[in-house]
Amino acid sequence: VTSWSSDTHRGNARLGILLPYSLLLDLSGEASGHRYQGIQSGTSAVRNETTIVGSTSLNWQMSSCCGVATGYHYTSNTSNIPGYEYTRGITSILLQGRF
């Protein structure tokens, strides 16, 4: 269906920083633009969207068998059609144990 086909341009970057005390800071970001090729049912214009995604995590490897990771992931989607606009933030904590 052409109304769901799109031309997309995307770029991303990632940076990992090794910190003291076995900490690893990970930062990443992505931006993308979508121009859909047809008009979707229920709308009167060709949909155009811009999506921005950013995430960060801090990982602590306490020992060879125990670790903790915390993170935050943010997404913002803007569109010329209001029903497709949203923002989302997700916070996470992961405890790991290896035996």
PDB file of N, CA and C in Angstrom:
ATOM      1  N   VAL A   1       0.858  -1.174   0.000  1.00  0.00           N
ATOM      2  CA  VAL A   1       0.000   0.000   0.000  1.00  0.00           C
ATOM      3  C   VAL A   1       0.899   1.229   0.000  1.00  0.00           C
ATOM      4  N   THR A   2       0.730   2.095  -0.987  1.00  0.00           N
ATOM      5  CA  THR A   2       1.609   3.265  -1.099  1.00  0.00           C
ATOM      6  C   THR A   2       1.437   4.258   0.038  1.00  0.00           C
ATOM      7  N   SER A   3       0.274   4.288   0.678  1.00  0.00           N
ATOM      8  CA  SER A   3       0.090   5.249   1.772  1.00  0.00           C
ATOM      9  C   SER A   3       0.964   4.928   2.985  1.00  0.00           C
ATOM     10  N   TRP A   4       1.477   3.699   3.093  1.00  0.00           N
ATOM     11  CA  TRP A   4       2.379   3.339   4.183  1.00  0.00           C
ATOM     12  C   TRP A   4       3.833   3.270   3.735  1.00  0.00           C
ATOM     13  N   SER A   5       4.101   3.422   2.440  1.00  0.00           N
ATOM     14  CA  SER A   5       5.472   3.467   1.950  1.00  0.00           C
ATOM     15  C   SER A   5       6.020   4.869   2.185  1.00  0.00           C
ATOM     16  N   SER A   6       7.325   4.972   2.463  1.00  0.00           N
ATOM     17  CA  SER A   6       7.879   6.293   2.755  1.00  0.00           C
ATOM     18  C   SER A   6       9.319   6.398   2.261  1.00  0.00           C
ATOM     19  N   ASP A   7       9.721   7.648   2.055  1.00  0.00           N
ATOM     20  CA  ASP A   7      11.121   7.978   1.841  1.00  0.00           C
ATOM     21  C   ASP A   7      11.647   8.423   3.192  1.00  0.00           C
ATOM     22  N   THR A   8      12.741   7.829   3.646  1.00  0.00           N
ATOM     23  CA  THR A   8      13.243   8.097   4.983  1.00  0.00           C
ATOM     24  C   THR A   8      14.711   8.491   4.924  1.00  0.00           C
ATOM     25  N   HIS A   9      15.058   9.490   5.705  1.00  0.00           N
ATOM     26  CA  HIS A   9      16.451   9.901   5.888  1.00  0.00           C
ATOM     27  C   HIS A   9      16.745   9.796   7.374  1.00  0.00           C
ATOM     28  N   ARG A  10      17.864   9.149   7.707  1.00  0.00           N
ATOM     29  CA  ARG A  10      18.145   8.847   9.114  1.00  0.00           C
ATOM     30  C   ARG A  10      19.624   9.060   9.414  1.00  0.00           C
ATOM     31  N   GLY A  11      19.893   9.558  10.619  1.00  0.00           N
ATOM     32  CA  GLY A  11      21.267   9.694  11.095  1.00  0.00           C
ATOM     33  C   GLY A  11      21.314   9.314  12.560  1.00  0.00           C
ATOM     34  N   ASN A  12      22.451   8.766  12.991  1.00  0.00           N
ATOM     35  CA  ASN A  12      22.575   8.404  14.403  1.00  0.00           C
ATOM     36  C   ASN A  12      24.015   8.548  14.876  1.00  0.00           C
ATOM     37  N   ALA A  13      24.152   8.648  16.185  1.00  0.00           N
ATOM     38  CA  ALA A  13      25.471   8.762  16.806  1.00  0.00           C
ATOM     39  C   ALA A  13      25.431   8.042  18.142  1.00  0.00           C
ATOM     40  N   ARG A  14      26.581   7.529  18.531  1.00  0.00           N
ATOM     41  CA  ARG A  14      26.684   6.807  19.809  1.00  0.00           C
ATOM     42  C   ARG A  14      28.055   7.069  20.408  1.00  0.00           C
ATOM     43  N   LEU A  15      28.072   7.205  21.729  1.00  0.00           N
ATOM     44  CA  LEU A  15      29.315   7.460  22.438  1.00  0.00           C
ATOM     45  C   LEU A  15      29.333   6.631  23.711  1.00  0.00           C
ATOM     46  N   GLY A  16      30.394   5.890  23.920  1.00  0.00           N
ATOM     47  CA  GLY A  16      30.589   5.123  25.146  1.00  0.00           C
ATOM     48  C   GLY A  16      31.795   5.672  25.882  1.00  0.00           C
ATOM     49  N   ILE A  17      31.630   5.940  27.158  1.00  0.00           N
ATOM     50  CA  ILE A  17      32.710   6.508  27.962  1.00  0.00           C
ATOM     51  C   ILE A  17      32.974   5.580  29.145  1.00  0.00           C
ATOM     52  N   LEU A  18      34.196   5.104  29.244  1.00  0.00           N
ATOM     53  CA  LEU A  18      34.596   4.260  30.357  1.00  0.00           C
ATOM     54  C   LEU A  18      35.009   5.160  31.517  1.00  0.00           C
ATOM     55  N   LEU A  19      34.337   5.014  32.635  1.00  0.00           N
ATOM     56  CA  LEU A  19      34.565   5.841  33.815  1.00  0.00           C
ATOM     57  C   LEU A  19      35.258   5.028  34.904  1.00  0.00           C
ATOM     58  N   PRO A  20      35.769   5.692  35.928  1.00  0.00           N
ATOM     59  CA  PRO A  20      36.371   4.952  37.050  1.00  0.00           C
ATOM     60  C   PRO A  20      35.343   4.056  37.752  1.00  0.00           C
ATOM     61  N   TYR A  21      35.813   3.145  38.557  1.00  0.00           N
ATOM     62  CA  TYR A  21      34.989   2.234  39.363  1.00  0.00           C
ATOM     63  C   TYR A  21      34.144   1.290  38.511  1.00  0.00           C
ATOM     64  N   SER A  22      34.660   0.873  37.385  1.00  0.00           N
ATOM     65  CA  SER A  22      33.980  -0.080  36.486  1.00  0.00           C
ATOM     66  C   SER A  22      32.630   0.439  35.993  1.00  0.00           C
ATOM     67  N   LEU A  23      32.526   1.734  35.766  1.00  0.00           N
ATOM     68  CA  LEU A  23      31.304   2.339  35.229  1.00  0.00           C
ATOM     69  C   LEU A  23      31.458   2.582  33.739  1.00  0.00           C
ATOM     70  N   LEU A  24      30.369   2.385  33.014  1.00  0.00           N
ATOM     71  CA  LEU A  24      30.333   2.674  31.589  1.00  0.00           C
ATOM     72  C   LEU A  24      29.122   3.553  31.319  1.00  0.00           C
ATOM     73  N   LEU A  25      29.357   4.725  30.743  1.00  0.00           N
ATOM     74  CA  LEU A  25      28.292   5.641  30.357  1.00  0.00           C
ATOM     75  C   LEU A  25      28.093   5.516  28.856  1.00  0.00           C
ATOM     76  N   ASP A  26      26.866   5.277  28.449  1.00  0.00           N
ATOM     77  CA  ASP A  26      26.544   5.107  27.028  1.00  0.00           C
ATOM     78  C   ASP A  26      25.511   6.156  26.638  1.00  0.00           C
ATOM     79  N   LEU A  27      25.814   6.961  25.626  1.00  0.00           N
ATOM     80  CA  LEU A  27      24.910   7.990  25.124  1.00  0.00           C
ATOM     81  C   LEU A  27      24.650   7.724  23.648  1.00  0.00           C
ATOM     82  N   SER A  28      23.400   7.849  23.226  1.00  0.00           N
ATOM     83  CA  SER A  28      23.109   7.658  21.806  1.00  0.00           C
ATOM     84  C   SER A  28      21.958   8.557  21.398  1.00  0.00           C
ATOM     85  N   GLY A  29      21.936   8.897  20.121  1.00  0.00           N
ATOM     86  CA  GLY A  29      20.880   9.727  19.571  1.00  0.00           C
ATOM     87  C   GLY A  29      20.621   9.374  18.125  1.00  0.00           C
ATOM     88  N   GLU A  30      19.395   9.604  17.690  1.00  0.00           N
ATOM     89  CA  GLU A  30      19.007   9.313  16.307  1.00  0.00           C
ATOM     90  C   GLU A  30      17.947  10.322  15.877  1.00  0.00           C
ATOM     91  N   ALA A  31      18.022  10.752  14.640  1.00  0.00           N
ATOM     92  CA  ALA A  31      17.006  11.625  14.055  1.00  0.00           C
ATOM     93  C   ALA A  31      16.618  11.040  12.707  1.00  0.00           C
ATOM     94  N   SER A  32      15.328  11.076  12.398  1.00  0.00           N
ATOM     95  CA  SER A  32      14.880  10.571  11.100  1.00  0.00           C
ATOM     96  C   SER A  32      13.702  11.394  10.616  1.00  0.00           C
ATOM     97  N   GLY A  33      13.621  11.502   9.313  1.00  0.00           N
ATOM     98  CA  GLY A  33      12.508  12.188   8.671  1.00  0.00           C
ATOM     99  C   GLY A  33      11.830  11.240   7.700  1.00  0.00           C
ATOM    100  N   HIS A  34      10.509  11.229   7.706  1.00  0.00           N
ATOM    101  CA  HIS A  34       9.728  10.337   6.848  1.00  0.00           C
ATOM    102  C   HIS A  34       8.753  11.167   6.011  1.00  0.00           C
ATOM    103  N   ARG A  35       8.720  10.909   4.743  1.00  0.00           N
ATOM    104  CA  ARG A  35       7.701  11.497   3.878  1.00  0.00           C
ATOM    105  C   ARG A  35       6.988  10.324   3.218  1.00  0.00           C
ATOM    106  N   TYR A  36       5.726  10.158   3.577  1.00  0.00           N
ATOM    107  CA  TYR A  36       4.953   9.033   3.054  1.00  0.00           C
ATOM    108  C   TYR A  36       4.520   9.328   1.622  1.00  0.00           C
ATOM    109  N   GLN A  37       4.298   8.283   0.845  1.00  0.00           N
ATOM    110  CA  GLN A  37       4.089   8.431  -0.591  1.00  0.00           C
ATOM    111  C   GLN A  37       2.630   8.560  -1.001  1.00  0.00           C
ATOM    112  N   GLY A  38       1.710   8.380  -0.084  1.00  0.00           N
ATOM    113  CA  GLY A  38       0.296   8.491  -0.427  1.00  0.00           C
ATOM    114  C   GLY A  38      -0.501   9.047   0.734  1.00  0.00           C
ATOM    115  N   ILE A  39      -1.726   9.424   0.468  1.00  0.00           N
ATOM    116  CA  ILE A  39      -2.606   9.930   1.502  1.00  0.00           C
ATOM    117  C   ILE A  39      -3.301   8.751   2.165  1.00  0.00           C
ATOM    118  N   GLN A  40      -3.201   8.682   3.483  1.00  0.00           N
ATOM    119  CA  GLN A  40      -3.807   7.583   4.228  1.00  0.00           C
ATOM    120  C   GLN A  40      -5.293   7.861   4.436  1.00  0.00           C
ATOM    121  N   SER A  41      -6.065   6.798   4.582  1.00  0.00           N
ATOM    122  CA  SER A  41      -7.503   6.969   4.782  1.00  0.00           C
ATOM    123  C   SER A  41      -7.767   7.754   6.066  1.00  0.00           C
ATOM    124  N   GLY A  42      -8.726   8.638   6.018  1.00  0.00           N
ATOM    125  CA  GLY A  42      -9.069   9.468   7.162  1.00  0.00           C
ATOM    126  C   GLY A  42      -8.260  10.743   7.272  1.00  0.00           C
ATOM    127  N   THR A  43      -7.327  10.969   6.346  1.00  0.00           N
ATOM    128  CA  THR A  43      -6.529  12.189   6.356  1.00  0.00           C
ATOM    129  C   THR A  43      -6.697  12.912   5.016  1.00  0.00           C
ATOM    130  N   SER A  44      -6.268  14.178   4.981  1.00  0.00           N
ATOM    131  CA  SER A  44      -6.418  14.957   3.753  1.00  0.00           C
ATOM    132  C   SER A  44      -5.087  15.430   3.188  1.00  0.00           C
ATOM    133  N   ALA A  45      -3.979  14.962   3.770  1.00  0.00           N
ATOM    134  CA  ALA A  45      -2.656  15.393   3.312  1.00  0.00           C
ATOM    135  C   ALA A  45      -1.687  14.224   3.370  1.00  0.00           C
ATOM    136  N   VAL A  46      -0.612  14.337   2.607  1.00  0.00           N
ATOM    137  CA  VAL A  46       0.471  13.355   2.676  1.00  0.00           C
ATOM    138  C   VAL A  46       1.188  13.568   4.008  1.00  0.00           C
ATOM    139  N   ARG A  47       1.401  12.499   4.739  1.00  0.00           N
ATOM    140  CA  ARG A  47       1.985  12.574   6.077  1.00  0.00           C
ATOM    141  C   ARG A  47       3.492  12.790   6.017  1.00  0.00           C
ATOM    142  N   ASN A  48       3.980  13.749   6.819  1.00  0.00           N
ATOM    143  CA  ASN A  48       5.403  14.009   7.001  1.00  0.00           C
ATOM    144  C   ASN A  48       5.700  13.942   8.487  1.00  0.00           C
ATOM    145  N   GLU A  49       6.781  13.253   8.851  1.00  0.00           N
ATOM    146  CA  GLU A  49       7.117  13.093  10.267  1.00  0.00           C
ATOM    147  C   GLU A  49       8.609  13.300  10.501  1.00  0.00           C
ATOM    148  N   THR A  50       8.919  13.760  11.690  1.00  0.00           N
ATOM    149  CA  THR A  50      10.293  13.836  12.169  1.00  0.00           C
ATOM    150  C   THR A  50      10.337  13.140  13.522  1.00  0.00           C
ATOM    151  N   THR A  51      11.263  12.213  13.670  1.00  0.00           N
ATOM    152  CA  THR A  51      11.405  11.465  14.914  1.00  0.00           C
ATOM    153  C   THR A  51      12.780  11.723  15.502  1.00  0.00           C
ATOM    154  N   ILE A  52      12.808  12.070  16.783  1.00  0.00           N
ATOM    155  CA  ILE A  52      14.050  12.279  17.525  1.00  0.00           C
ATOM    156  C   ILE A  52      14.078  11.263  18.665  1.00  0.00           C
ATOM    157  N   VAL A  53      15.183  10.536  18.770  1.00  0.00           N
ATOM    158  CA  VAL A  53      15.339   9.525  19.815  1.00  0.00           C
ATOM    159  C   VAL A  53      16.668   9.781  20.524  1.00  0.00           C
ATOM    160  N   GLY A  54      16.636   9.753  21.848  1.00  0.00           N
ATOM    161  CA  GLY A  54      17.853   9.890  22.638  1.00  0.00           C
ATOM    162  C   GLY A  54      17.827   8.893  23.782  1.00  0.00           C
ATOM    163  N   SER A  55      18.965   8.348  24.107  1.00  0.00           N
ATOM    164  CA  SER A  55      19.014   7.423  25.236  1.00  0.00           C
ATOM    165  C   SER A  55      20.362   7.535  25.938  1.00  0.00           C
ATOM    166  N   THR A  56      20.306   7.223  27.200  1.00  0.00           N
ATOM    167  CA  THR A  56      21.516   7.198  28.005  1.00  0.00           C
ATOM    168  C   THR A  56      21.427   6.017  28.975  1.00  0.00           C
ATOM    169  N   SER A  57      22.558   5.437  29.278  1.00  0.00           N
ATOM    170  CA  SER A  57      22.587   4.374  30.279  1.00  0.00           C
ATOM    171  C   SER A  57      23.896   4.452  31.044  1.00  0.00           C
ATOM    172  N   LEU A  58      23.818   4.032  32.282  1.00  0.00           N
ATOM    173  CA  LEU A  58      24.993   3.942  33.134  1.00  0.00           C
ATOM    174  C   LEU A  58      25.053   2.520  33.659  1.00  0.00           C
ATOM    175  N   ASN A  59      26.157   1.847  33.370  1.00  0.00           N
ATOM    176  CA  ASN A  59      26.326   0.437  33.729  1.00  0.00           C
ATOM    177  C   ASN A  59      27.469   0.300  34.729  1.00  0.00           C
ATOM    178  N   TRP A  60      27.221  -0.475  35.762  1.00  0.00           N
ATOM    179  CA  TRP A  60      28.239  -0.732  36.781  1.00  0.00           C
ATOM    180  C   TRP A  60      28.411  -2.226  36.924  1.00  0.00           C
ATOM    181  N   GLN A  61      29.580  -2.723  36.553  1.00  0.00           N
ATOM    182  CA  GLN A  61      29.898  -4.140  36.692  1.00  0.00           C
ATOM    183  C   GLN A  61      30.631  -4.302  38.010  1.00  0.00           C
ATOM    184  N   MET A  62      29.891  -4.662  39.076  1.00  0.00           N
ATOM    185  CA  MET A  62      30.446  -4.728  40.430  1.00  0.00           C
ATOM    186  C   MET A  62      31.486  -5.839  40.564  1.00  0.00           C
ATOM    187  N   SER A  63      31.235  -6.952  39.901  1.00  0.00           N
ATOM    188  CA  SER A  63      32.167  -8.078  39.917  1.00  0.00           C
ATOM    189  C   SER A  63      31.909  -8.885  38.656  1.00  0.00           C
ATOM    190  N   SER A  64      32.595 -10.001  38.511  1.00  0.00           N
ATOM    191  CA  SER A  64      32.408 -10.814  37.306  1.00  0.00           C
ATOM    192  C   SER A  64      31.018 -11.453  37.241  1.00  0.00           C
ATOM    193  N   CYS A  65      30.312 -11.473  38.375  1.00  0.00           N
ATOM    194  CA  CYS A  65      28.992 -12.112  38.368  1.00  0.00           C
ATOM    195  C   CYS A  65      27.835 -11.172  38.713  1.00  0.00           C
ATOM    196  N   CYS A  66      28.098  -9.908  39.044  1.00  0.00           N
ATOM    197  CA  CYS A  66      27.020  -8.990  39.441  1.00  0.00           C
ATOM    198  C   CYS A  66      27.166  -7.651  38.735  1.00  0.00           C
ATOM    199  N   GLY A  67      26.031  -7.108  38.276  1.00  0.00           N
ATOM    200  CA  GLY A  67      26.045  -5.813  37.629  1.00  0.00           C
ATOM    201  C   GLY A  67      24.703  -5.112  37.739  1.00  0.00           C
ATOM    202  N   VAL A  68      24.739  -3.808  37.526  1.00  0.00           N
ATOM    203  CA  VAL A  68      23.537  -2.983  37.552  1.00  0.00           C
ATOM    204  C   VAL A  68      23.599  -2.041  36.353  1.00  0.00           C
ATOM    205  N   ALA A  69      22.466  -1.875  35.680  1.00  0.00           N
ATOM    206  CA  ALA A  69      22.382  -0.935  34.562  1.00  0.00           C
ATOM    207  C   ALA A  69      21.126  -0.095  34.742  1.00  0.00           C
ATOM    208  N   THR A  70      21.269   1.220  34.607  1.00  0.00           N
ATOM    209  CA  THR A  70      20.124   2.125  34.630  1.00  0.00           C
ATOM    210  C   THR A  70      20.093   2.867  33.301  1.00  0.00           C
ATOM    211  N   GLY A  71      18.911   3.223  32.848  1.00  0.00           N
ATOM    212  CA  GLY A  71      18.833   3.887  31.566  1.00  0.00           C
ATOM    213  C   GLY A  71      17.587   4.732  31.407  1.00  0.00           C
ATOM    214  N   TYR A  72      17.638   5.607  30.422  1.00  0.00           N
ATOM    215  CA  TYR A  72      16.489   6.422  30.055  1.00  0.00           C
ATOM    216  C   TYR A  72      16.455   6.529  28.536  1.00  0.00           C
ATOM    217  N   HIS A  73      15.284   6.310  27.959  1.00  0.00           N
ATOM    218  CA  HIS A  73      15.082   6.333  26.509  1.00  0.00           C
ATOM    219  C   HIS A  73      13.941   7.307  26.209  1.00  0.00           C
ATOM    220  N   TYR A  74      14.197   8.300  25.367  1.00  0.00           N
ATOM    221  CA  TYR A  74      13.206   9.332  25.042  1.00  0.00           C
ATOM    222  C   TYR A  74      12.936   9.332  23.542  1.00  0.00           C
ATOM    223  N   THR A  75      11.654   9.390  23.165  1.00  0.00           N
ATOM    224  CA  THR A  75      11.257   9.461  21.765  1.00  0.00           C
ATOM    225  C   THR A  75      10.258  10.601  21.591  1.00  0.00           C
ATOM    226  N   SER A  76      10.475  11.407  20.559  1.00  0.00           N
ATOM    227  CA  SER A  76       9.538  12.462  20.195  1.00  0.00           C
ATOM    228  C   SER A  76       9.242  12.336  18.704  1.00  0.00           C
ATOM    229  N   ASN A  77       7.974  12.228  18.359  1.00  0.00           N
ATOM    230  CA  ASN A  77       7.564  12.114  16.965  1.00  0.00           C
ATOM    231  C   ASN A  77       6.635  13.290  16.650  1.00  0.00           C
ATOM    232  N   THR A  78       7.044  14.142  15.713  1.00  0.00           N
ATOM    233  CA  THR A  78       6.194  15.242  15.272  1.00  0.00           C
ATOM    234  C   THR A  78       5.689  14.926  13.875  1.00  0.00           C
ATOM    235  N   SER A  79       4.459  15.311  13.606  1.00  0.00           N
ATOM    236  CA  SER A  79       3.816  14.995  12.334  1.00  0.00           C
ATOM    237  C   SER A  79       2.917  16.156  11.918  1.00  0.00           C
ATOM    238  N   ASN A  80       2.695  16.271  10.625  1.00  0.00           N
ATOM    239  CA  ASN A  80       1.748  17.270  10.160  1.00  0.00           C
ATOM    240  C   ASN A  80       0.296  16.800  10.358  1.00  0.00           C
ATOM    241  N   ILE A  81       0.112  15.573  10.794  1.00  0.00           N
ATOM    242  CA  ILE A  81      -1.212  15.036  11.124  1.00  0.00           C
ATOM    243  C   ILE A  81      -1.218  14.770  12.629  1.00  0.00           C
ATOM    244  N   PRO A  82      -2.022  15.532  13.391  1.00  0.00           N
ATOM    245  CA  PRO A  82      -1.945  15.482  14.858  1.00  0.00           C
ATOM    246  C   PRO A  82      -2.083  14.086  15.483  1.00  0.00           C
ATOM    247  N   GLY A  83      -2.837  13.188  14.909  1.00  0.00           N
ATOM    248  CA  GLY A  83      -3.021  11.862  15.488  1.00  0.00           C
ATOM    249  C   GLY A  83      -1.760  11.018  15.531  1.00  0.00           C
ATOM    250  N   TYR A  84      -0.724  11.415  14.804  1.00  0.00           N
ATOM    251  CA  TYR A  84       0.527  10.655  14.766  1.00  0.00           C
ATOM    252  C   TYR A  84       1.629  11.284  15.603  1.00  0.00           C
ATOM    253  N   GLU A  85       1.326  12.351  16.345  1.00  0.00           N
ATOM    254  CA  GLU A  85       2.327  12.981  17.201  1.00  0.00           C
ATOM    255  C   GLU A  85       2.328  12.320  18.576  1.00  0.00           C
ATOM    256  N   TYR A  86       3.510  12.090  19.128  1.00  0.00           N
ATOM    257  CA  TYR A  86       3.614  11.531  20.469  1.00  0.00           C
ATOM    258  C   TYR A  86       5.006  11.785  21.035  1.00  0.00           C
ATOM    259  N   THR A  87       5.100  11.710  22.350  1.00  0.00           N
ATOM    260  CA  THR A  87       6.380  11.675  23.052  1.00  0.00           C
ATOM    261  C   THR A  87       6.312  10.526  24.053  1.00  0.00           C
ATOM    262  N   ARG A  88       7.462   9.939  24.301  1.00  0.00           N
ATOM    263  CA  ARG A  88       7.506   8.782  25.206  1.00  0.00           C
ATOM    264  C   ARG A  88       8.843   8.789  25.932  1.00  0.00           C
ATOM    265  N   GLY A  89       8.815   8.509  27.204  1.00  0.00           N
ATOM    266  CA  GLY A  89      10.028   8.367  27.996  1.00  0.00           C
ATOM    267  C   GLY A  89       9.962   7.068  28.777  1.00  0.00           C
ATOM    268  N   ILE A  90      11.020   6.295  28.733  1.00  0.00           N
ATOM    269  CA  ILE A  90      11.059   5.002  29.418  1.00  0.00           C
ATOM    270  C   ILE A  90      12.305   4.958  30.293  1.00  0.00           C
ATOM    271  N   THR A  91      12.122   4.708  31.571  1.00  0.00           N
ATOM    272  CA  THR A  91      13.207   4.551  32.512  1.00  0.00           C
ATOM    273  C   THR A  91      13.365   3.068  32.832  1.00  0.00           C
ATOM    274  N   SER A  92      14.613   2.608  32.919  1.00  0.00           N
ATOM    275  CA  SER A  92      14.824   1.188  33.180  1.00  0.00           C
ATOM    276  C   SER A  92      15.929   0.963  34.213  1.00  0.00           C
ATOM    277  N   ILE A  93      15.801  -0.117  34.941  1.00  0.00           N
ATOM    278  CA  ILE A  93      16.828  -0.582  35.872  1.00  0.00           C
ATOM    279  C   ILE A  93      16.953  -2.093  35.665  1.00  0.00           C
ATOM    280  N   LEU A  94      18.159  -2.545  35.457  1.00  0.00           N
ATOM    281  CA  LEU A  94      18.425  -3.969  35.238  1.00  0.00           C
ATOM    282  C   LEU A  94      19.454  -4.438  36.254  1.00  0.00           C
ATOM    283  N   LEU A  95      19.097  -5.467  37.001  1.00  0.00           N
ATOM    284  CA  LEU A  95      20.032  -6.120  37.909  1.00  0.00           C
ATOM    285  C   LEU A  95      20.401  -7.447  37.293  1.00  0.00           C
ATOM    286  N   GLN A  96      21.677  -7.732  37.208  1.00  0.00           N
ATOM    287  CA  GLN A  96      22.078  -8.999  36.601  1.00  0.00           C
ATOM    288  C   GLN A  96      22.983  -9.782  37.522  1.00  0.00           C
ATOM    289  N   GLY A  97      22.766 -11.064  37.514  1.00  0.00           N
ATOM    290  CA  GLY A  97      23.602 -11.979  38.270  1.00  0.00           C
ATOM    291  C   GLY A  97      23.957 -13.171  37.391  1.00  0.00           C
ATOM    292  N   ARG A  98      25.213 -13.513  37.361  1.00  0.00           N
ATOM    293  CA  ARG A  98      25.686 -14.654  36.554  1.00  0.00           C
ATOM    294  C   ARG A  98      26.230 -15.707  37.488  1.00  0.00           C
ATOM    295  N   PHE A  99      25.787 -16.911  37.298  1.00  0.00           N
ATOM    296  CA  PHE A  99      26.226 -18.004  38.155  1.00  0.00           C
ATOM    297  C   PHE A  99      26.820 -19.113  37.342  1.00  0.00           C
TER     298      PHE A  99
END
